[in-house]
Amino acid sequence: MAELDPEKLNTENKEVENKEETTAEESKESQPVEAKVEETKKDEKGVETLETEEGVYTKKEADVQKNFVYKNASGKVDGVNLKLADAIENARKNFVKNYRSNRLGANISVGIFAFFIVATAVVYFTLSQTENKTLYNCLMWPFFGLAIVALVCFLILSNVGKKKSYKEIGNYLDIWTDSFISDAYVGKPGVDNVTYSIDGKVDDWSIINTHYFATIDSIESRSHVVMDYYGKALCDTEVSISVPVYNEFVNRIALEKVIEDPNKAEEINEEQPVAEKDKKKKANNGRSPYVGGYGKFLSYEVNAKNPNDYLIVVRKVKDTYLPTNVHGLTRFDNLAGELLSNDYVIWASDEKFVRETLKPAIIEAMQKMTPNSVLQDWFFTFNKNEAAFMLNYSSAIMELPMYDKVQENNVEQHPHDVELALTVFKNLADEIREEKAEEIEK
């Protein structure tokens, strides 16, 4: 219950699975946007746009977030100075208590309804054929009438309870979000003006401009957090990114032959559709093959100096969804092993930019972001648009706990990862600031 918009965030992505059933005309109308950030440009009025085969799309302005109510983070966990796990556990207990209380009246009324329905049936089958119609009428119709009254009471109480439950879920999610961001951000060096909205959405362009996904089917999000970090905008949002299966891009990526030693490129066969058995096989590994990202998306307003510079760093595991929008980039496996380890994948515009960006402090922070049962994997991107982390989490912290006790190790994972991400962001900002200072001196 209370997952990240479960109706829309179906990780099986039924819409994608049913693509074969759509007509050519329908497919054309519902074609997903190709996320090619190299085609981003500004129009005559200076508004940033994205040109695709479908047309030119205007970049979303930050003002769209004004449709949601933002409020300041309390700065305390659940309004008091508690451990994060204790605060979430208190909120969970209160939610369950109120939820059960809201359902109590409806449950009682449905029990009464069932009793009188059974009583009515007993009377009907035992007395309807007798000659004593007076006794039959005295029992049959009152029981039936009381059953109808109980049914009406159930419908009314159920509706009222449902509305109260939605409100309780909202309150629970609000405490959950406020507690998390208060623990992770408030009071940390360089962090100011922390605000959030549980209904707030991520700017889709922030995800498109990571240059990670060649095609994005849909983006769902909630709990949008906005703050200043050393004077620049920093956002933290819970997201779910639906994409085509990775196998559909394998041959296309290989055709680029963008590896350190082109002579070692594997022979390329003509691209073929992904077999259904291969899709199911990949799905059985754990995560759905249609999910490119599911967790917390952090974006920071710091830009690469050269508009042609791109860097993607992936901390991979067995079922990691690797980058698909790698046109014009080079995969540096040897460099990843040298700077980080063989558990990482690096795609970039050139080796010089990788070495200039991944300084020792940044490398140290990245190496501490180790996948486990909560943090499944992550990727980092840095280019002309901004720097960003996609931290992919398990349901341990992406679903509101209801009947299971909150585990401290689970909820402490995100604040730990945020601390390391902030270290990376700060070092990037410091490097750029130092470069600008050197240019001014020259």
Protein backbone atom coordinates (compact mmCIF):
# COMPACT_ATOMS: atom_id res chain seq x y z
CA MET A 1 0.00 0.00 0.00
CA ALA A 2 1.04 3.57 -0.60
CA GLU A 3 3.68 2.84 -3.19
CA LEU A 4 4.95 5.53 -5.51
CA ASP A 5 1.67 6.04 -7.41
CA PRO A 6 1.09 2.30 -7.94
CA GLU A 7 -1.57 2.77 -10.61
CA LYS A 8 0.86 4.60 -12.88
CA LEU A 9 4.15 3.13 -11.71
CA ASN A 10 3.43 -0.45 -12.72
CA THR A 11 6.96 -1.69 -13.17
CA GLU A 12 5.79 -4.30 -15.61
CA ASN A 13 4.87 -1.39 -17.93
CA LYS A 14 1.82 -3.06 -19.47
CA GLU A 15 1.63 -0.32 -22.05
CA VAL A 16 5.02 -1.33 -23.40
CA GLU A 17 4.18 -5.04 -23.26
CA ASN A 18 1.12 -4.44 -25.43
CA LYS A 19 2.95 -2.50 -28.14
CA GLU A 20 2.64 -5.42 -30.54
CA GLU A 21 -1.15 -5.17 -30.31
CA THR A 22 -1.40 -1.53 -31.33
CA THR A 23 -1.87 -0.50 -34.95
CA ALA A 24 0.79 1.38 -36.84
CA GLU A 25 -1.31 4.53 -36.61
CA GLU A 26 -1.76 4.20 -32.84
CA SER A 27 1.93 3.53 -32.38
CA LYS A 28 2.78 6.69 -34.24
CA GLU A 29 0.46 8.77 -32.07
CA SER A 30 1.84 7.36 -28.80
CA GLN A 31 5.51 7.33 -29.81
CA PRO A 32 7.71 8.13 -26.78
CA VAL A 33 9.98 11.16 -26.90
CA GLU A 34 13.52 10.39 -28.01
CA ALA A 35 15.76 11.80 -25.29
CA LYS A 36 18.49 13.31 -27.45
CA VAL A 37 19.88 16.20 -25.50
CA GLU A 38 22.38 17.09 -28.20
CA GLU A 39 19.44 18.53 -30.16
CA THR A 40 18.42 20.91 -27.37
CA LYS A 41 18.52 24.54 -28.56
CA LYS A 42 17.01 27.95 -27.85
CA ASP A 43 14.33 29.57 -29.95
CA GLU A 44 14.17 33.22 -31.04
CA LYS A 45 12.89 34.26 -27.61
CA GLY A 46 15.68 32.42 -25.80
CA VAL A 47 13.37 29.63 -24.59
CA GLU A 48 15.11 26.23 -24.54
CA THR A 49 13.47 23.65 -26.79
CA LEU A 50 13.98 20.05 -27.85
CA GLU A 51 13.62 19.14 -31.52
CA THR A 52 12.45 15.59 -32.25
CA GLU A 53 10.84 13.79 -35.16
CA GLU A 54 7.46 14.60 -33.63
CA GLY A 55 8.14 18.34 -33.45
CA VAL A 56 9.66 21.01 -31.23
CA TYR A 57 8.86 20.79 -27.52
CA THR A 58 9.15 23.81 -25.22
CA LYS A 59 11.27 23.23 -22.12
CA LYS A 60 9.26 23.13 -18.90
CA GLU A 61 9.78 26.21 -16.76
CA ALA A 62 10.34 25.96 -13.04
CA ASP A 63 7.07 27.85 -12.60
CA VAL A 64 5.09 24.64 -13.19
CA GLN A 65 6.05 23.63 -9.67
CA LYS A 66 3.98 26.57 -8.35
CA ASN A 67 0.88 24.46 -8.99
CA PHE A 68 1.84 22.49 -5.88
CA VAL A 69 1.95 23.70 -2.30
CA TYR A 70 5.51 23.83 -0.96
CA LYS A 71 6.38 24.25 2.68
CA ASN A 72 9.57 24.56 4.67
CA ALA A 73 11.18 21.47 6.13
CA SER A 74 10.74 21.40 9.89
CA GLY A 75 14.41 20.78 10.51
CA LYS A 76 13.47 18.09 13.01
CA VAL A 77 12.58 14.47 12.57
CA ASP A 78 8.80 14.14 13.05
CA GLY A 79 8.80 17.55 14.75
CA VAL A 80 11.11 16.44 17.55
CA ASN A 81 14.70 15.30 17.89
CA LEU A 82 14.29 11.57 17.26
CA LYS A 83 16.29 9.09 15.26
CA LEU A 84 14.95 8.81 11.73
CA ALA A 85 13.85 5.19 12.21
CA ASP A 86 12.04 6.03 15.48
CA ALA A 87 10.25 8.96 13.87
CA ILE A 88 9.05 6.88 10.92
CA GLU A 89 8.02 4.06 13.26
CA ASN A 90 5.91 6.48 15.36
CA ALA A 91 4.27 7.81 12.20
CA ARG A 92 3.61 4.26 10.99
CA LYS A 93 1.97 3.22 14.26
CA ASN A 94 -0.25 6.32 14.28
CA PHE A 95 -1.24 5.71 10.68
CA VAL A 96 -2.15 2.06 11.29
CA LYS A 97 -4.09 2.98 14.43
CA ASN A 98 -6.09 5.67 12.61
CA TYR A 99 -6.57 3.48 9.55
CA ARG A 100 -8.04 0.66 11.61
CA SER A 101 -10.21 3.12 13.51
CA ASN A 102 -11.55 4.52 10.24
CA ARG A 103 -12.40 1.01 9.05
CA LEU A 104 -14.00 -0.13 12.31
CA GLY A 105 -17.47 1.32 11.71
CA ALA A 106 -17.62 -0.05 8.16
CA ASN A 107 -16.48 -3.49 9.31
CA ILE A 108 -19.12 -3.59 12.06
CA SER A 109 -21.89 -2.52 9.69
CA VAL A 110 -20.93 -5.12 7.08
CA GLY A 111 -20.98 -7.76 9.82
CA ILE A 112 -24.50 -6.69 10.86
CA PHE A 113 -25.56 -6.70 7.20
CA ALA A 114 -24.27 -10.25 6.78
CA PHE A 115 -26.08 -11.37 9.94
CA PHE A 116 -29.46 -10.05 8.82
CA ILE A 117 -29.02 -11.39 5.28
CA VAL A 118 -28.38 -14.85 6.71
CA ALA A 119 -31.34 -14.44 9.10
CA THR A 120 -33.56 -13.36 6.21
CA ALA A 121 -32.51 -16.39 4.16
CA VAL A 122 -33.15 -18.75 7.09
CA VAL A 123 -36.61 -17.30 7.66
CA TYR A 124 -37.44 -17.53 3.96
CA PHE A 125 -36.41 -21.13 3.51
CA THR A 126 -37.93 -22.37 6.79
CA LEU A 127 -41.18 -20.42 6.99
CA SER A 128 -42.12 -19.41 3.45
CA GLN A 129 -43.85 -22.73 2.79
CA THR A 130 -45.72 -22.90 6.11
CA GLU A 131 -49.26 -21.80 6.72
CA ASN A 132 -48.21 -19.42 9.50
CA LYS A 133 -47.81 -16.36 7.26
CA THR A 134 -48.09 -13.96 10.21
CA LEU A 135 -44.88 -15.25 11.80
CA TYR A 136 -43.21 -15.32 8.40
CA ASN A 137 -44.09 -11.68 7.68
CA CYS A 138 -43.16 -10.55 11.20
CA LEU A 139 -39.64 -11.97 10.81
CA MET A 140 -38.92 -11.84 7.09
CA TRP A 141 -39.50 -8.18 6.30
CA PRO A 142 -37.97 -6.64 9.46
CA PHE A 143 -34.84 -8.75 8.96
CA PHE A 144 -34.69 -7.76 5.30
CA GLY A 145 -35.26 -4.07 6.15
CA LEU A 146 -32.53 -4.12 8.81
CA ALA A 147 -30.18 -5.75 6.28
CA ILE A 148 -30.82 -2.89 3.83
CA VAL A 149 -30.21 -0.32 6.61
CA ALA A 150 -26.96 -2.06 7.54
CA LEU A 151 -25.90 -2.06 3.88
CA VAL A 152 -26.58 1.68 3.54
CA CYS A 153 -24.65 2.32 6.77
CA PHE A 154 -21.75 0.27 5.44
CA LEU A 155 -21.63 2.24 2.18
CA ILE A 156 -21.73 5.57 4.01
CA LEU A 157 -19.16 4.62 6.63
CA SER A 158 -16.94 2.99 4.02
CA ASN A 159 -16.92 6.16 1.91
CA VAL A 160 -16.22 8.36 4.94
CA GLY A 161 -13.50 6.00 6.14
CA LYS A 162 -11.90 5.94 2.70
CA LYS A 163 -11.70 9.74 2.60
CA LYS A 164 -10.19 9.80 6.09
CA SER A 165 -7.73 7.09 5.09
CA TYR A 166 -6.57 9.10 2.07
CA LYS A 167 -6.00 12.04 4.37
CA GLU A 168 -4.10 9.85 6.81
CA ILE A 169 -1.92 8.51 3.99
CA GLY A 170 -1.17 12.10 2.96
CA ASN A 171 -0.22 13.01 6.53
CA TYR A 172 1.92 9.90 6.84
CA LEU A 173 3.72 10.64 3.55
CA ASP A 174 4.22 14.24 4.65
CA ILE A 175 5.86 13.16 7.93
CA TRP A 176 7.89 10.55 6.03
CA THR A 177 9.19 13.14 3.53
CA ASP A 178 9.79 15.89 6.10
CA SER A 179 11.64 13.50 8.40
CA PHE A 180 13.85 12.18 5.61
CA ILE A 181 14.86 15.57 4.23
CA SER A 182 15.26 17.10 7.69
CA ASP A 183 17.67 14.29 8.57
CA ALA A 184 19.49 14.38 5.22
CA TYR A 185 19.67 18.10 4.44
CA VAL A 186 18.61 20.57 7.14
CA GLY A 187 21.55 21.97 9.07
CA LYS A 188 24.14 20.54 6.69
CA PRO A 189 26.95 22.88 5.56
CA GLY A 190 25.94 24.97 2.55
CA VAL A 191 22.27 23.90 2.60
CA ASP A 192 19.61 26.63 2.89
CA ASN A 193 15.89 27.17 2.20
CA VAL A 194 14.81 23.53 2.15
CA THR A 195 11.21 23.25 0.91
CA TYR A 196 9.15 20.32 -0.29
CA SER A 197 5.81 19.21 -1.69
CA ILE A 198 4.65 15.60 -1.50
CA ASP A 199 2.65 16.24 -4.71
CA GLY A 200 5.50 18.07 -6.45
CA LYS A 201 6.93 16.58 -9.65
CA VAL A 202 10.41 16.31 -11.07
CA ASP A 203 11.18 18.47 -14.10
CA ASP A 204 11.18 15.85 -16.87
CA TRP A 205 13.92 17.76 -18.63
CA SER A 206 16.31 17.14 -15.75
CA ILE A 207 16.05 13.42 -16.47
CA ILE A 208 16.12 13.79 -20.25
CA ASN A 209 19.20 16.00 -20.02
CA THR A 210 21.19 13.38 -18.13
CA HIS A 211 21.98 12.01 -21.60
CA TYR A 212 21.40 8.52 -20.13
CA PHE A 213 18.21 7.29 -21.81
CA ALA A 214 17.76 7.15 -25.57
CA THR A 215 14.02 6.66 -25.15
CA ILE A 216 11.77 7.32 -22.15
CA ASP A 217 8.24 5.93 -22.12
CA SER A 218 7.05 7.73 -19.00
CA ILE A 219 8.25 9.50 -15.86
CA GLU A 220 6.28 9.43 -12.60
CA SER A 221 7.36 11.28 -9.48
CA ARG A 222 6.38 12.59 -6.06
CA SER A 223 7.87 14.32 -2.99
CA HIS A 224 9.77 17.05 -4.82
CA VAL A 225 12.36 18.78 -2.59
CA VAL A 226 14.00 22.07 -3.56
CA MET A 227 16.84 23.86 -1.74
CA ASP A 228 19.95 25.99 -2.17
CA TYR A 229 23.32 24.30 -1.90
CA TYR A 230 26.18 26.79 -1.79
CA GLY A 231 23.99 29.24 -3.68
CA LYS A 232 22.89 26.86 -6.44
CA ALA A 233 19.60 24.98 -6.85
CA LEU A 234 19.52 21.36 -5.65
CA CYS A 235 16.51 19.05 -6.09
CA ASP A 236 15.67 15.63 -4.65
CA THR A 237 12.65 13.75 -6.02
CA GLU A 238 11.25 10.22 -5.84
CA VAL A 239 10.90 8.99 -9.41
CA SER A 240 10.04 5.96 -11.51
CA ILE A 241 11.30 5.97 -15.11
CA SER A 242 9.72 3.55 -17.59
CA VAL A 243 11.82 2.65 -20.64
CA PRO A 244 12.04 0.02 -23.39
CA VAL A 245 14.03 -3.09 -22.51
CA TYR A 246 17.80 -2.58 -22.73
CA ASN A 247 18.23 -5.43 -25.23
CA GLU A 248 16.49 -3.31 -27.86
CA PHE A 249 19.49 -0.94 -27.85
CA VAL A 250 22.37 -3.43 -27.65
CA ASN A 251 23.11 -3.66 -31.36
CA ARG A 252 22.56 0.05 -31.87
CA ILE A 253 25.11 0.81 -29.14
CA ALA A 254 27.57 -1.71 -30.54
CA LEU A 255 27.31 -0.12 -33.99
CA GLU A 256 28.83 3.03 -32.53
CA LYS A 257 32.04 1.07 -31.83
CA VAL A 258 32.78 3.70 -29.19
CA ILE A 259 35.30 1.78 -27.13
CA GLU A 260 38.88 2.57 -26.19
CA ASP A 261 40.31 0.11 -28.72
CA PRO A 262 38.10 -0.05 -31.87
CA ASN A 263 40.08 -3.10 -33.06
CA LYS A 264 38.51 -5.10 -30.23
CA ALA A 265 34.97 -4.29 -31.29
CA GLU A 266 32.77 -7.35 -31.63
CA GLU A 267 31.29 -8.27 -34.99
CA ILE A 268 27.94 -6.53 -35.45
CA ASN A 269 24.93 -8.45 -36.71
CA GLU A 270 21.87 -6.86 -38.20
CA GLU A 271 19.62 -5.57 -35.45
CA GLN A 272 16.78 -7.96 -34.64
CA PRO A 273 13.69 -7.54 -32.41
CA VAL A 274 14.12 -8.82 -28.88
CA ALA A 275 12.60 -12.27 -28.48
CA GLU A 276 9.80 -12.64 -25.94
CA LYS A 277 11.70 -15.44 -24.16
CA ASP A 278 14.68 -13.09 -23.71
CA LYS A 279 12.44 -10.40 -22.24
CA LYS A 280 10.97 -12.86 -19.74
CA LYS A 281 14.39 -14.24 -18.89
CA LYS A 282 15.71 -10.78 -18.07
CA ALA A 283 12.57 -9.98 -16.06
CA ASN A 284 13.11 -13.01 -13.86
CA ASN A 285 16.49 -11.70 -12.69
CA GLY A 286 14.76 -9.39 -10.19
CA ARG A 287 13.87 -5.91 -11.36
CA SER A 288 11.59 -5.32 -14.30
CA PRO A 289 13.49 -4.78 -17.59
CA TYR A 290 11.15 -1.88 -18.32
CA VAL A 291 12.38 0.24 -15.40
CA GLY A 292 15.34 2.51 -16.07
CA GLY A 293 15.23 4.23 -12.71
CA TYR A 294 13.30 3.76 -9.47
CA GLY A 295 14.40 5.73 -6.44
CA LYS A 296 15.69 9.21 -5.63
CA PHE A 297 16.81 11.59 -8.37
CA LEU A 298 19.17 14.36 -7.24
CA SER A 299 20.03 17.22 -9.60
CA TYR A 300 22.39 20.13 -8.95
CA GLU A 301 22.71 23.37 -10.90
CA VAL A 302 26.39 23.10 -11.79
CA ASN A 303 27.39 22.91 -15.44
CA ALA A 304 30.31 21.62 -17.48
CA LYS A 305 32.23 24.54 -18.99
CA ASN A 306 32.42 23.02 -22.47
CA PRO A 307 28.98 22.32 -24.01
CA ASN A 308 30.42 19.24 -25.73
CA ASP A 309 31.58 17.62 -22.48
CA TYR A 310 29.56 14.66 -21.22
CA LEU A 311 30.28 12.19 -18.43
CA ILE A 312 28.28 9.18 -17.25
CA VAL A 313 29.47 7.03 -14.34
CA VAL A 314 27.50 3.88 -13.49
CA ARG A 315 27.90 1.71 -10.39
CA LYS A 316 26.66 -1.48 -11.97
CA VAL A 317 25.33 -4.78 -10.66
CA LYS A 318 23.97 -7.83 -12.48
CA ASP A 319 20.68 -6.30 -13.64
CA THR A 320 21.65 -2.61 -13.94
CA TYR A 321 19.96 -0.71 -16.77
CA LEU A 322 23.02 0.70 -18.56
CA PRO A 323 23.07 3.94 -20.63
CA THR A 324 21.36 3.81 -24.02
CA ASN A 325 21.83 7.42 -25.20
CA VAL A 326 25.56 7.09 -25.91
CA HIS A 327 25.79 8.42 -29.45
CA GLY A 328 29.03 10.35 -29.76
CA LEU A 329 30.42 9.09 -26.45
CA THR A 330 33.20 6.63 -25.67
CA ARG A 331 33.10 3.78 -23.19
CA PHE A 332 36.26 3.82 -21.05
CA ASP A 333 36.43 0.40 -19.37
CA ASN A 334 40.17 0.55 -18.69
CA LEU A 335 39.90 4.05 -17.25
CA ALA A 336 36.98 3.00 -15.03
CA GLY A 337 39.10 0.17 -13.67
CA GLU A 338 42.03 2.51 -13.10
CA LEU A 339 40.14 5.32 -11.35
CA LEU A 340 37.32 3.39 -9.64
CA SER A 341 37.10 -0.38 -10.18
CA ASN A 342 35.74 -2.91 -12.64
CA ASP A 343 32.33 -2.56 -10.96
CA TYR A 344 31.92 0.81 -12.69
CA VAL A 345 31.15 1.84 -16.25
CA ILE A 346 32.25 5.19 -17.66
CA TRP A 347 30.91 6.78 -20.83
CA ALA A 348 32.28 10.21 -21.71
CA SER A 349 33.05 12.66 -24.48
CA ASP A 350 36.80 12.19 -23.98
CA GLU A 351 39.34 10.88 -21.48
CA LYS A 352 40.62 14.35 -20.55
CA PHE A 353 37.19 15.41 -19.27
CA VAL A 354 36.93 12.23 -17.18
CA ARG A 355 40.27 12.85 -15.50
CA GLU A 356 39.54 16.53 -14.95
CA THR A 357 36.19 15.74 -13.32
CA LEU A 358 36.91 12.65 -11.25
CA LYS A 359 39.28 14.14 -8.69
CA PRO A 360 40.35 12.04 -5.63
CA ALA A 361 37.65 13.47 -3.31
CA ILE A 362 34.92 12.66 -5.85
CA ILE A 363 36.28 9.17 -6.49
CA GLU A 364 36.43 8.48 -2.74
CA ALA A 365 32.80 9.55 -2.28
CA MET A 366 31.62 7.42 -5.21
CA GLN A 367 33.44 4.34 -3.95
CA LYS A 368 31.61 4.64 -0.63
CA MET A 369 28.22 4.45 -2.38
CA THR A 370 28.12 0.66 -2.30
CA PRO A 371 25.08 -1.28 -3.56
CA ASN A 372 23.26 -3.40 -0.98
CA SER A 373 19.75 -4.64 -0.23
CA VAL A 374 18.47 -1.02 -0.18
CA LEU A 375 20.68 0.87 -2.65
CA GLN A 376 20.51 -1.38 -5.69
CA ASP A 377 22.77 0.66 -7.97
CA TRP A 378 23.24 4.24 -9.15
CA PHE A 379 24.47 6.44 -11.96
CA PHE A 380 25.99 9.91 -12.05
CA THR A 381 25.94 12.34 -14.98
CA PHE A 382 27.65 15.67 -15.57
CA ASN A 383 27.31 17.83 -18.67
CA LYS A 384 26.39 21.30 -19.91
CA ASN A 385 22.96 21.05 -18.31
CA GLU A 386 23.66 20.01 -14.70
CA ALA A 387 25.09 17.30 -12.48
CA ALA A 388 22.78 14.52 -11.30
CA PHE A 389 22.59 11.26 -9.37
CA MET A 390 19.97 8.56 -9.94
CA LEU A 391 19.97 6.47 -6.76
CA ASN A 392 18.00 3.28 -7.45
CA TYR A 393 16.44 1.89 -4.28
CA SER A 394 14.48 -1.19 -3.35
CA SER A 395 10.95 -1.06 -1.94
CA ALA A 396 12.53 -0.94 1.54
CA ILE A 397 12.45 2.87 1.39
CA MET A 398 10.34 3.49 -1.70
CA GLU A 399 7.13 2.15 -0.13
CA LEU A 400 5.54 3.47 3.04
CA PRO A 401 5.83 0.71 5.66
CA MET A 402 2.43 -0.23 7.05
CA TYR A 403 2.43 -3.49 9.02
CA ASP A 404 6.17 -4.17 9.15
CA LYS A 405 8.35 -2.41 11.71
CA VAL A 406 10.68 0.24 10.29
CA GLN A 407 14.26 -1.00 10.02
CA GLU A 408 16.88 1.55 11.02
CA ASN A 409 19.48 0.28 8.53
CA ASN A 410 17.00 0.73 5.67
CA VAL A 411 15.90 4.30 6.31
CA GLU A 412 19.41 5.51 7.17
CA GLN A 413 20.63 4.53 3.71
CA HIS A 414 19.32 7.60 1.87
CA PRO A 415 20.81 10.22 4.26
CA HIS A 416 24.11 8.35 3.97
CA ASP A 417 23.97 8.45 0.16
CA VAL A 418 22.91 12.11 0.17
CA GLU A 419 25.96 13.04 2.23
CA LEU A 420 28.22 11.43 -0.36
CA ALA A 421 26.32 12.98 -3.28
CA LEU A 422 26.66 16.42 -1.68
CA THR A 423 30.40 15.84 -1.42
CA VAL A 424 30.54 15.15 -5.16
CA PHE A 425 28.41 18.20 -5.99
CA LYS A 426 30.47 20.52 -3.77
CA ASN A 427 33.76 19.37 -5.26
CA LEU A 428 32.41 19.90 -8.77
CA ALA A 429 31.29 23.42 -7.86
CA ASP A 430 34.66 24.15 -6.22
CA GLU A 431 36.55 22.94 -9.30
CA ILE A 432 34.50 25.17 -11.59
CA ARG A 433 34.88 28.14 -9.25
CA GLU A 434 38.65 27.66 -9.12
CA GLU A 435 38.85 27.41 -12.91
CA LYS A 436 36.92 30.66 -13.30
CA ALA A 437 39.15 32.38 -10.74
CA GLU A 438 42.25 31.26 -12.67
CA GLU A 439 40.77 32.56 -15.93
CA ILE A 440 40.08 35.94 -14.33
CA GLU A 441 43.66 36.17 -13.03
CA LYS A 442 44.99 35.47 -16.51
